[in-house]
Amino acid sequence: MRLDVWLWAVRAYKTRSTAVDAIRAGNVQVNQAIPKPSRDVQPGDLIVAKVGDLTRTLRAKGSPRSRVGAALVPEYAEDLTPPEERIRIRTPSTEIVGFRPKGSGRPTKRDRRRIDEIIS
């Protein structure tokens, strides 16, 4: 099965065209090599795909006939993505201008002055 179809079938990308664009942009590696979208995926191939801000690591187990449901994905792809990668994505960055932790209340006058200094 072609790499772009496989990535779409195991739900790494929402559409096949986004999978093709990611492969051509160099955001996908197969066994530490940059492939073409038409490369065949073999069982045991290690696929590293950058999906948005997340870098997913998948090991191919097989090729589905077509796109499969989320519950069936583990039959065709083993997810080796480190847990730290998923936690990093969930954690909001404190470098965002005006970021305030949820539940911290309204900014004080002093806080507003600091925010204005950062913005200006």
N, C-alpha and C. Protein backbone atom coordinates (compact mmCIF):
# COMPACT_ATOMS: atom_id res chain seq x y z
N MET A 1 0.85 -1.18 0.00
CA MET A 1 0.00 0.00 0.00
C MET A 1 0.89 1.24 0.00
N ARG A 2 0.49 2.24 -0.75
CA ARG A 2 1.24 3.50 -0.82
C ARG A 2 1.29 4.17 0.55
N LEU A 3 2.37 4.91 0.79
CA LEU A 3 2.56 5.58 2.08
C LEU A 3 1.47 6.60 2.34
N ASP A 4 1.12 7.42 1.35
CA ASP A 4 0.11 8.45 1.58
C ASP A 4 -1.25 7.83 1.90
N VAL A 5 -1.59 6.74 1.24
CA VAL A 5 -2.85 6.06 1.51
C VAL A 5 -2.81 5.41 2.90
N TRP A 6 -1.68 4.82 3.25
CA TRP A 6 -1.55 4.17 4.56
C TRP A 6 -1.71 5.19 5.69
N LEU A 7 -1.04 6.36 5.56
CA LEU A 7 -1.15 7.39 6.59
C LEU A 7 -2.59 7.87 6.75
N TRP A 8 -3.31 7.98 5.64
CA TRP A 8 -4.71 8.37 5.68
C TRP A 8 -5.56 7.25 6.28
N ALA A 9 -5.29 6.00 5.89
CA ALA A 9 -6.09 4.86 6.34
C ALA A 9 -5.97 4.61 7.83
N VAL A 10 -4.79 4.87 8.42
CA VAL A 10 -4.61 4.65 9.86
C VAL A 10 -4.83 5.94 10.66
N ARG A 11 -5.43 6.92 10.00
CA ARG A 11 -5.87 8.16 10.64
C ARG A 11 -4.75 9.03 11.20
N ALA A 12 -3.59 9.00 10.57
CA ALA A 12 -2.52 9.92 10.96
C ALA A 12 -2.83 11.31 10.42
N TYR A 13 -3.44 11.36 9.24
CA TYR A 13 -3.86 12.61 8.61
C TYR A 13 -5.32 12.50 8.22
N LYS A 14 -6.03 13.64 8.23
CA LYS A 14 -7.46 13.62 7.95
C LYS A 14 -7.78 13.33 6.49
N THR A 15 -6.94 13.81 5.59
CA THR A 15 -7.19 13.56 4.17
C THR A 15 -5.92 13.04 3.52
N ARG A 16 -6.10 12.39 2.38
CA ARG A 16 -4.96 11.86 1.66
C ARG A 16 -4.12 13.00 1.10
N SER A 17 -4.75 14.08 0.68
CA SER A 17 -4.00 15.19 0.12
C SER A 17 -3.12 15.87 1.18
N THR A 18 -3.58 15.94 2.43
CA THR A 18 -2.72 16.51 3.48
C THR A 18 -1.55 15.57 3.78
N ALA A 19 -1.79 14.27 3.65
CA ALA A 19 -0.70 13.30 3.82
C ALA A 19 0.34 13.48 2.73
N VAL A 20 -0.10 13.66 1.49
CA VAL A 20 0.82 13.87 0.37
C VAL A 20 1.62 15.16 0.57
N ASP A 21 0.94 16.23 0.99
CA ASP A 21 1.62 17.51 1.22
C ASP A 21 2.67 17.39 2.32
N ALA A 22 2.34 16.66 3.39
CA ALA A 22 3.29 16.47 4.50
C ALA A 22 4.49 15.66 4.04
N ILE A 23 4.28 14.64 3.24
CA ILE A 23 5.39 13.81 2.75
C ILE A 23 6.30 14.64 1.86
N ARG A 24 5.71 15.40 0.94
CA ARG A 24 6.50 16.23 0.03
C ARG A 24 7.24 17.35 0.76
N ALA A 25 6.69 17.82 1.88
CA ALA A 25 7.33 18.87 2.66
C ALA A 25 8.46 18.32 3.53
N GLY A 26 8.60 17.01 3.60
CA GLY A 26 9.66 16.40 4.40
C GLY A 26 9.27 16.18 5.84
N ASN A 27 7.97 16.22 6.15
CA ASN A 27 7.49 16.03 7.52
C ASN A 27 7.26 14.57 7.87
N VAL A 28 7.55 13.67 6.93
CA VAL A 28 7.36 12.23 7.16
C VAL A 28 8.66 11.52 6.81
N GLN A 29 9.07 10.61 7.69
CA GLN A 29 10.24 9.78 7.43
C GLN A 29 9.86 8.32 7.60
N VAL A 30 10.43 7.49 6.74
CA VAL A 30 10.23 6.04 6.85
C VAL A 30 11.61 5.43 7.01
N ASN A 31 11.81 4.76 8.13
CA ASN A 31 13.11 4.16 8.46
C ASN A 31 14.24 5.18 8.30
N GLN A 32 14.03 6.37 8.82
CA GLN A 32 15.00 7.47 8.84
C GLN A 32 15.38 7.96 7.45
N ALA A 33 14.51 7.79 6.47
CA ALA A 33 14.74 8.29 5.11
C ALA A 33 13.51 9.08 4.68
N ILE A 34 13.72 10.11 3.89
CA ILE A 34 12.61 10.90 3.39
C ILE A 34 12.06 10.21 2.13
N PRO A 35 10.81 9.75 2.18
CA PRO A 35 10.24 8.98 1.07
C PRO A 35 9.44 9.84 0.09
N LYS A 36 8.96 9.18 -0.94
CA LYS A 36 7.99 9.77 -1.86
C LYS A 36 6.61 9.26 -1.43
N PRO A 37 5.53 9.96 -1.81
CA PRO A 37 4.19 9.49 -1.43
C PRO A 37 3.85 8.10 -1.97
N SER A 38 4.48 7.69 -3.06
CA SER A 38 4.15 6.40 -3.67
C SER A 38 4.92 5.23 -3.07
N ARG A 39 5.78 5.47 -2.09
CA ARG A 39 6.57 4.39 -1.49
C ARG A 39 5.65 3.38 -0.83
N ASP A 40 5.94 2.10 -1.02
CA ASP A 40 5.14 1.04 -0.39
C ASP A 40 5.51 0.90 1.08
N VAL A 41 4.49 0.73 1.91
CA VAL A 41 4.68 0.52 3.34
C VAL A 41 4.68 -0.98 3.59
N GLN A 42 5.72 -1.45 4.25
CA GLN A 42 5.86 -2.87 4.58
C GLN A 42 5.70 -3.05 6.09
N PRO A 43 5.21 -4.19 6.55
CA PRO A 43 5.13 -4.43 7.99
C PRO A 43 6.52 -4.31 8.61
N GLY A 44 6.58 -3.60 9.73
CA GLY A 44 7.84 -3.38 10.43
C GLY A 44 8.47 -2.03 10.13
N ASP A 45 7.99 -1.32 9.13
CA ASP A 45 8.53 0.02 8.83
C ASP A 45 8.25 0.97 9.98
N LEU A 46 9.24 1.80 10.31
CA LEU A 46 9.11 2.80 11.36
C LEU A 46 8.83 4.13 10.68
N ILE A 47 7.68 4.72 10.96
CA ILE A 47 7.24 5.94 10.30
C ILE A 47 7.14 7.04 11.33
N VAL A 48 7.85 8.15 11.08
CA VAL A 48 7.81 9.32 11.95
C VAL A 48 7.12 10.42 11.15
N ALA A 49 5.96 10.88 11.64
CA ALA A 49 5.17 11.87 10.92
C ALA A 49 4.88 13.06 11.83
N LYS A 50 5.16 14.24 11.33
CA LYS A 50 4.85 15.46 12.08
C LYS A 50 3.43 15.88 11.69
N VAL A 51 2.54 15.84 12.67
CA VAL A 51 1.14 16.18 12.45
C VAL A 51 0.84 17.40 13.30
N GLY A 52 0.82 18.57 12.68
CA GLY A 52 0.65 19.81 13.43
C GLY A 52 1.89 20.03 14.30
N ASP A 53 1.69 20.17 15.60
CA ASP A 53 2.80 20.35 16.53
C ASP A 53 3.27 19.03 17.13
N LEU A 54 2.56 17.96 16.84
CA LEU A 54 2.86 16.64 17.40
C LEU A 54 3.69 15.82 16.42
N THR A 55 4.74 15.18 16.92
CA THR A 55 5.54 14.27 16.11
C THR A 55 5.17 12.85 16.51
N ARG A 56 4.43 12.16 15.62
CA ARG A 56 3.98 10.80 15.90
C ARG A 56 4.95 9.79 15.35
N THR A 57 5.19 8.73 16.11
CA THR A 57 6.04 7.63 15.69
C THR A 57 5.17 6.38 15.61
N LEU A 58 5.10 5.80 14.41
CA LEU A 58 4.25 4.63 14.18
C LEU A 58 5.07 3.49 13.59
N ARG A 59 4.73 2.26 13.97
CA ARG A 59 5.33 1.09 13.36
C ARG A 59 4.22 0.37 12.60
N ALA A 60 4.45 0.16 11.31
CA ALA A 60 3.44 -0.49 10.47
C ALA A 60 3.34 -1.97 10.82
N LYS A 61 2.12 -2.43 11.03
CA LYS A 61 1.86 -3.85 11.29
C LYS A 61 1.26 -4.52 10.07
N GLY A 62 0.58 -3.74 9.26
CA GLY A 62 -0.08 -4.28 8.08
C GLY A 62 -0.71 -3.16 7.29
N SER A 63 -1.43 -3.52 6.24
CA SER A 63 -2.08 -2.54 5.38
C SER A 63 -3.57 -2.81 5.34
N PRO A 64 -4.39 -1.87 5.78
CA PRO A 64 -5.84 -2.07 5.69
C PRO A 64 -6.31 -1.92 4.24
N ARG A 65 -7.46 -2.47 3.93
CA ARG A 65 -8.00 -2.36 2.57
C ARG A 65 -8.44 -0.93 2.28
N SER A 66 -8.97 -0.25 3.28
CA SER A 66 -9.38 1.14 3.14
C SER A 66 -9.29 1.80 4.52
N ARG A 67 -9.76 3.03 4.63
CA ARG A 67 -9.69 3.73 5.92
C ARG A 67 -10.44 2.94 6.98
N VAL A 68 -9.83 2.83 8.15
CA VAL A 68 -10.43 2.03 9.22
C VAL A 68 -10.88 2.93 10.35
N GLY A 69 -11.78 2.42 11.16
CA GLY A 69 -12.25 3.14 12.33
C GLY A 69 -11.14 3.25 13.37
N ALA A 70 -11.28 4.22 14.24
CA ALA A 70 -10.25 4.48 15.24
C ALA A 70 -9.99 3.26 16.13
N ALA A 71 -11.01 2.46 16.38
CA ALA A 71 -10.84 1.27 17.22
C ALA A 71 -10.00 0.19 16.53
N LEU A 72 -9.95 0.20 15.20
CA LEU A 72 -9.22 -0.83 14.46
C LEU A 72 -7.79 -0.41 14.10
N VAL A 73 -7.42 0.83 14.34
CA VAL A 73 -6.08 1.31 13.98
C VAL A 73 -4.97 0.49 14.63
N PRO A 74 -5.08 0.07 15.90
CA PRO A 74 -3.99 -0.72 16.50
C PRO A 74 -3.69 -2.04 15.79
N GLU A 75 -4.61 -2.55 14.97
CA GLU A 75 -4.34 -3.78 14.21
C GLU A 75 -3.35 -3.52 13.07
N TYR A 76 -3.25 -2.27 12.62
CA TYR A 76 -2.43 -1.96 11.45
C TYR A 76 -1.24 -1.06 11.78
N ALA A 77 -1.27 -0.36 12.92
CA ALA A 77 -0.19 0.54 13.29
C ALA A 77 0.01 0.54 14.80
N GLU A 78 1.24 0.40 15.21
CA GLU A 78 1.59 0.46 16.63
C GLU A 78 2.10 1.86 16.92
N ASP A 79 1.47 2.55 17.87
CA ASP A 79 1.83 3.93 18.19
C ASP A 79 2.98 3.91 19.19
N LEU A 80 4.16 4.38 18.76
CA LEU A 80 5.35 4.42 19.60
C LEU A 80 5.68 5.84 20.04
N THR A 81 4.73 6.77 19.89
CA THR A 81 4.95 8.16 20.26
C THR A 81 5.22 8.25 21.76
N PRO A 82 6.33 8.91 22.18
CA PRO A 82 6.62 9.01 23.61
C PRO A 82 5.55 9.82 24.34
N PRO A 83 5.22 9.42 25.57
CA PRO A 83 4.19 10.16 26.34
C PRO A 83 4.58 11.62 26.56
N GLU A 84 5.88 11.91 26.64
CA GLU A 84 6.31 13.29 26.86
C GLU A 84 5.88 14.19 25.71
N GLU A 85 5.83 13.62 24.51
CA GLU A 85 5.43 14.40 23.32
C GLU A 85 3.97 14.83 23.43
N ARG A 86 3.12 13.92 23.87
CA ARG A 86 1.70 14.27 24.02
C ARG A 86 1.47 15.25 25.17
N ILE A 87 2.23 15.10 26.25
CA ILE A 87 2.11 16.03 27.38
C ILE A 87 2.57 17.42 26.97
N ARG A 88 3.64 17.49 26.18
CA ARG A 88 4.16 18.77 25.72
C ARG A 88 3.11 19.53 24.92
N ILE A 89 2.33 18.82 24.13
CA ILE A 89 1.31 19.44 23.31
C ILE A 89 0.16 19.96 24.18
N ARG A 90 -0.20 19.23 25.22
CA ARG A 90 -1.32 19.63 26.07
C ARG A 90 -0.98 20.80 26.98
N THR A 91 0.29 20.95 27.35
CA THR A 91 0.69 21.99 28.28
C THR A 91 0.73 23.34 27.57
N PRO A 92 -0.03 24.32 28.06
CA PRO A 92 0.00 25.63 27.41
C PRO A 92 1.32 26.33 27.69
N SER A 93 1.76 27.08 26.72
CA SER A 93 3.01 27.81 26.85
C SER A 93 2.79 29.07 27.68
N THR A 94 3.69 29.33 28.61
CA THR A 94 3.57 30.54 29.42
C THR A 94 4.22 31.73 28.72
N GLU A 95 4.78 31.50 27.54
CA GLU A 95 5.41 32.58 26.80
C GLU A 95 4.40 33.39 26.00
N ILE A 96 3.16 32.98 25.99
CA ILE A 96 2.13 33.70 25.24
C ILE A 96 1.85 35.01 25.95
N VAL A 97 1.83 36.07 25.18
CA VAL A 97 1.59 37.40 25.74
C VAL A 97 0.19 37.44 26.33
N GLY A 98 0.09 37.87 27.57
CA GLY A 98 -1.19 37.99 28.23
C GLY A 98 -1.73 36.68 28.77
N PHE A 99 -0.90 35.63 28.79
CA PHE A 99 -1.36 34.34 29.29
C PHE A 99 -1.57 34.41 30.79
N ARG A 100 -2.73 33.95 31.22
CA ARG A 100 -3.03 33.88 32.65
C ARG A 100 -3.59 32.50 32.93
N PRO A 101 -3.13 31.86 34.00
CA PRO A 101 -3.66 30.54 34.34
C PRO A 101 -5.17 30.60 34.59
N LYS A 102 -5.86 29.54 34.18
CA LYS A 102 -7.30 29.48 34.36
C LYS A 102 -7.63 29.51 35.85
N GLY A 103 -8.60 30.32 36.22
CA GLY A 103 -9.02 30.42 37.61
C GLY A 103 -8.22 31.43 38.42
N SER A 104 -7.34 32.18 37.78
CA SER A 104 -6.53 33.14 38.54
C SER A 104 -7.26 34.46 38.75
N GLY A 105 -8.44 34.58 38.20
CA GLY A 105 -9.22 35.79 38.42
C GLY A 105 -8.85 36.91 37.46
N ARG A 106 -9.44 38.06 37.76
CA ARG A 106 -9.23 39.22 36.92
C ARG A 106 -7.84 39.81 37.18
N PRO A 107 -7.17 40.34 36.14
CA PRO A 107 -5.85 40.92 36.39
C PRO A 107 -5.95 42.18 37.24
N THR A 108 -4.98 42.33 38.13
CA THR A 108 -4.94 43.54 38.95
C THR A 108 -4.39 44.68 38.11
N LYS A 109 -4.40 45.88 38.70
CA LYS A 109 -3.88 47.04 37.99
C LYS A 109 -2.40 46.84 37.68
N ARG A 110 -1.67 46.25 38.61
CA ARG A 110 -0.25 45.98 38.41
C ARG A 110 -0.05 44.99 37.26
N ASP A 111 -0.88 43.92 37.23
CA ASP A 111 -0.80 42.95 36.14
C ASP A 111 -1.08 43.59 34.80
N ARG A 112 -2.09 44.47 34.75
CA ARG A 112 -2.42 45.13 33.48
C ARG A 112 -1.28 46.01 33.01
N ARG A 113 -0.59 46.67 33.93
CA ARG A 113 0.56 47.49 33.55
C ARG A 113 1.67 46.63 32.96
N ARG A 114 1.92 45.47 33.57
CA ARG A 114 2.94 44.56 33.04
C ARG A 114 2.57 44.06 31.65
N ILE A 115 1.31 43.73 31.47
CA ILE A 115 0.86 43.27 30.15
C ILE A 115 1.03 44.38 29.12
N ASP A 116 0.68 45.60 29.50
CA ASP A 116 0.84 46.74 28.58
C ASP A 116 2.31 46.97 28.23
N GLU A 117 3.22 46.76 29.20
CA GLU A 117 4.65 46.92 28.92
C GLU A 117 5.14 45.87 27.92
N ILE A 118 4.63 44.65 28.04
CA ILE A 118 5.04 43.58 27.12
C ILE A 118 4.53 43.86 25.72
N ILE A 119 3.29 44.31 25.63
CA ILE A 119 2.68 44.56 24.32
C ILE A 119 3.33 45.76 23.64
N SER A 120 3.66 46.77 24.40
CA SER A 120 4.23 48.00 23.80
C SER A 120 5.66 47.88 23.43
